[in-house]
């Protein structure tokens, strides 16, 4: 496991139920906003599937991840809805659900 991935997992672990963050916000918190895709790869490789809540990471426009590694977009949406996140189609309807990871570090 590499250090970057571990830092991603530490951030995602701090995202509370009912909130989400974005790949770009995580990358920015780690020092380089251009590493959003690398954040996505780290989450796709997540060895802590029942611990790190990867479903709480979405795209910057509030849309869900079609390649959500643990069951697809429907599973991601269901998990977030159970936590109280509200959607219109496949988009989060209110920015109050989106947090900035630097508040979690």
C-alpha atoms as a PDB file:
ATOM      1  CA  UNK A   1       0.000   0.000   0.000  1.00  0.00           C
ATOM      2  CA  UNK A   2       1.355   3.441  -0.794  1.00  0.00           C
ATOM      3  CA  UNK A   3       1.320   6.524   1.400  1.00  0.00           C
ATOM      4  CA  UNK A   4      -0.931   8.540  -0.940  1.00  0.00           C
ATOM      5  CA  UNK A   5      -3.655   5.875  -0.829  1.00  0.00           C
ATOM      6  CA  UNK A   6      -3.446   5.673   2.952  1.00  0.00           C
ATOM      7  CA  UNK A   7      -3.887   9.434   3.212  1.00  0.00           C
ATOM      8  CA  UNK A   8      -6.956   9.222   0.960  1.00  0.00           C
ATOM      9  CA  UNK A   9      -8.454   6.525   3.188  1.00  0.00           C
ATOM     10  CA  UNK A  10      -7.794   8.591   6.327  1.00  0.00           C
ATOM     11  CA  UNK A  11      -9.703  11.522   4.840  1.00  0.00           C
ATOM     12  CA  UNK A  12     -12.630   9.426   3.634  1.00  0.00           C
ATOM     13  CA  UNK A  13     -12.895   7.782   7.061  1.00  0.00           C
ATOM     14  CA  UNK A  14     -13.619  11.234   8.505  1.00  0.00           C
ATOM     15  CA  UNK A  15     -16.535  11.999   6.173  1.00  0.00           C
ATOM     16  CA  UNK A  16     -19.581  11.612   8.417  1.00  0.00           C
ATOM     17  CA  UNK A  17     -22.718   9.725   7.489  1.00  0.00           C
ATOM     18  CA  UNK A  18     -25.103  11.965   5.584  1.00  0.00           C
ATOM     19  CA  UNK A  19     -22.291  13.972   4.000  1.00  0.00           C
ATOM     20  CA  UNK A  20     -20.153  13.544   0.897  1.00  0.00           C
ATOM     21  CA  UNK A  21     -16.992  15.027  -0.509  1.00  0.00           C
ATOM     22  CA  UNK A  22     -15.487  14.998  -3.977  1.00  0.00           C
ATOM     23  CA  UNK A  23     -12.424  13.470  -5.582  1.00  0.00           C
ATOM     24  CA  UNK A  24     -11.108  16.954  -6.310  1.00  0.00           C
ATOM     25  CA  UNK A  25     -11.637  18.202  -2.763  1.00  0.00           C
ATOM     26  CA  UNK A  26      -9.681  15.223  -1.431  1.00  0.00           C
ATOM     27  CA  UNK A  27      -6.890  15.842  -3.944  1.00  0.00           C
ATOM     28  CA  UNK A  28      -6.768  19.511  -2.957  1.00  0.00           C
ATOM     29  CA  UNK A  29      -6.619  18.596   0.736  1.00  0.00           C
ATOM     30  CA  UNK A  30      -3.646  16.376  -0.097  1.00  0.00           C
ATOM     31  CA  UNK A  31      -1.867  19.239  -1.821  1.00  0.00           C
ATOM     32  CA  UNK A  32      -2.630  18.899  -5.535  1.00  0.00           C
ATOM     33  CA  UNK A  33      -6.094  19.395  -7.003  1.00  0.00           C
ATOM     34  CA  UNK A  34      -4.933  17.753 -10.225  1.00  0.00           C
ATOM     35  CA  UNK A  35      -4.690  14.352  -8.555  1.00  0.00           C
ATOM     36  CA  UNK A  36      -8.448  13.722  -8.440  1.00  0.00           C
ATOM     37  CA  UNK A  37      -8.151  10.706 -10.748  1.00  0.00           C
ATOM     38  CA  UNK A  38      -5.445   9.269  -8.532  1.00  0.00           C
ATOM     39  CA  UNK A  39      -7.844   9.646  -5.588  1.00  0.00           C
ATOM     40  CA  UNK A  40     -10.389   7.685  -7.615  1.00  0.00           C
ATOM     41  CA  UNK A  41      -7.883   4.924  -8.282  1.00  0.00           C
ATOM     42  CA  UNK A  42      -7.005   4.757  -4.599  1.00  0.00           C
ATOM     43  CA  UNK A  43     -10.661   4.348  -3.696  1.00  0.00           C
ATOM     44  CA  UNK A  44     -11.145   1.741  -6.385  1.00  0.00           C
ATOM     45  CA  UNK A  45      -8.262  -0.216  -4.819  1.00  0.00           C
ATOM     46  CA  UNK A  46      -9.578   0.265  -1.274  1.00  0.00           C
ATOM     47  CA  UNK A  47      -8.537  -2.789   0.771  1.00  0.00           C
ATOM     48  CA  UNK A  48     -10.783  -1.668   3.660  1.00  0.00           C
ATOM     49  CA  UNK A  49     -14.110  -2.145   1.876  1.00  0.00           C
ATOM     50  CA  UNK A  50     -16.221  -2.507   5.006  1.00  0.00           C
ATOM     51  CA  UNK A  51     -14.432   0.279   6.849  1.00  0.00           C
ATOM     52  CA  UNK A  52     -13.633   3.168   4.467  1.00  0.00           C
ATOM     53  CA  UNK A  53     -16.957   4.631   3.224  1.00  0.00           C
ATOM     54  CA  UNK A  54     -16.015   5.158  -0.429  1.00  0.00           C
ATOM     55  CA  UNK A  55     -19.675   5.677  -1.286  1.00  0.00           C
ATOM     56  CA  UNK A  56     -19.356   9.132   0.305  1.00  0.00           C
ATOM     57  CA  UNK A  57     -17.140  10.402  -2.528  1.00  0.00           C
ATOM     58  CA  UNK A  58     -18.834  11.874  -5.606  1.00  0.00           C
ATOM     59  CA  UNK A  59     -17.954  13.940  -8.670  1.00  0.00           C
ATOM     60  CA  UNK A  60     -17.562  17.726  -8.341  1.00  0.00           C
ATOM     61  CA  UNK A  61     -20.995  18.339  -9.889  1.00  0.00           C
ATOM     62  CA  UNK A  62     -22.651  16.215  -7.198  1.00  0.00           C
ATOM     63  CA  UNK A  63     -23.225  13.276  -9.507  1.00  0.00           C
ATOM     64  CA  UNK A  64     -22.622   9.691  -8.555  1.00  0.00           C
ATOM     65  CA  UNK A  65     -19.845   7.472  -9.767  1.00  0.00           C
ATOM     66  CA  UNK A  66     -20.969   5.015 -12.459  1.00  0.00           C
ATOM     67  CA  UNK A  67     -17.968   2.831 -11.725  1.00  0.00           C
ATOM     68  CA  UNK A  68     -18.537   2.770  -7.966  1.00  0.00           C
ATOM     69  CA  UNK A  69     -16.318  -0.169  -7.089  1.00  0.00           C
ATOM     70  CA  UNK A  70     -18.646  -1.899  -4.683  1.00  0.00           C
ATOM     71  CA  UNK A  71     -21.779  -2.456  -6.686  1.00  0.00           C
ATOM     72  CA  UNK A  72     -22.363   0.409  -9.083  1.00  0.00           C
ATOM     73  CA  UNK A  73     -24.273   3.652  -9.058  1.00  0.00           C
ATOM     74  CA  UNK A  74     -27.494   2.160  -7.677  1.00  0.00           C
ATOM     75  CA  UNK A  75     -25.732   0.790  -4.597  1.00  0.00           C
ATOM     76  CA  UNK A  76     -23.918   4.086  -4.020  1.00  0.00           C
ATOM     77  CA  UNK A  77     -27.187   6.017  -4.266  1.00  0.00           C
ATOM     78  CA  UNK A  78     -28.990   3.603  -1.935  1.00  0.00           C
ATOM     79  CA  UNK A  79     -26.231   3.810   0.682  1.00  0.00           C
ATOM     80  CA  UNK A  80     -26.263   7.614   0.585  1.00  0.00           C
ATOM     81  CA  UNK A  81     -30.067   7.828   0.697  1.00  0.00           C
ATOM     82  CA  UNK A  82     -30.054   5.619   3.805  1.00  0.00           C
ATOM     83  CA  UNK A  83     -27.772   8.244   5.366  1.00  0.00           C
ATOM     84  CA  UNK A  84     -30.192  11.048   4.467  1.00  0.00           C
ATOM     85  CA  UNK A  85     -28.557  12.452   1.322  1.00  0.00           C
ATOM     86  CA  UNK A  86     -31.218  13.732  -1.093  1.00  0.00           C
ATOM     87  CA  UNK A  87     -31.021  13.322  -4.874  1.00  0.00           C
ATOM     88  CA  UNK A  88     -32.749  14.584  -7.949  1.00  0.00           C
ATOM     89  CA  UNK A  89     -32.096  12.007 -10.636  1.00  0.00           C
ATOM     90  CA  UNK A  90     -28.477  11.029  -9.964  1.00  0.00           C
ATOM     91  CA  UNK A  91     -27.361  14.391  -8.541  1.00  0.00           C
ATOM     92  CA  UNK A  92     -27.153  15.594  -4.965  1.00  0.00           C
ATOM     93  CA  UNK A  93     -29.716  18.399  -4.754  1.00  0.00           C
ATOM     94  CA  UNK A  94     -28.193  20.556  -2.038  1.00  0.00           C
ATOM     95  CA  UNK A  95     -24.616  21.612  -1.336  1.00  0.00           C
ATOM     96  CA  UNK A  96     -25.297  21.233   2.388  1.00  0.00           C
ATOM     97  CA  UNK A  97     -24.444  17.551   1.921  1.00  0.00           C
ATOM     98  CA  UNK A  98     -21.003  18.287   0.424  1.00  0.00           C
ATOM     99  CA  UNK A  99     -18.132  18.967   2.818  1.00  0.00           C
ATOM    100  CA  UNK A 100     -14.575  20.093   2.301  1.00  0.00           C
ATOM    101  CA  UNK A 101     -12.022  17.560   3.570  1.00  0.00           C
ATOM    102  CA  UNK A 102      -9.641  20.180   4.938  1.00  0.00           C
ATOM    103  CA  UNK A 103     -12.118  20.503   7.768  1.00  0.00           C
ATOM    104  CA  UNK A 104     -11.554  16.819   8.447  1.00  0.00           C
ATOM    105  CA  UNK A 105      -7.761  16.727   8.482  1.00  0.00           C
END
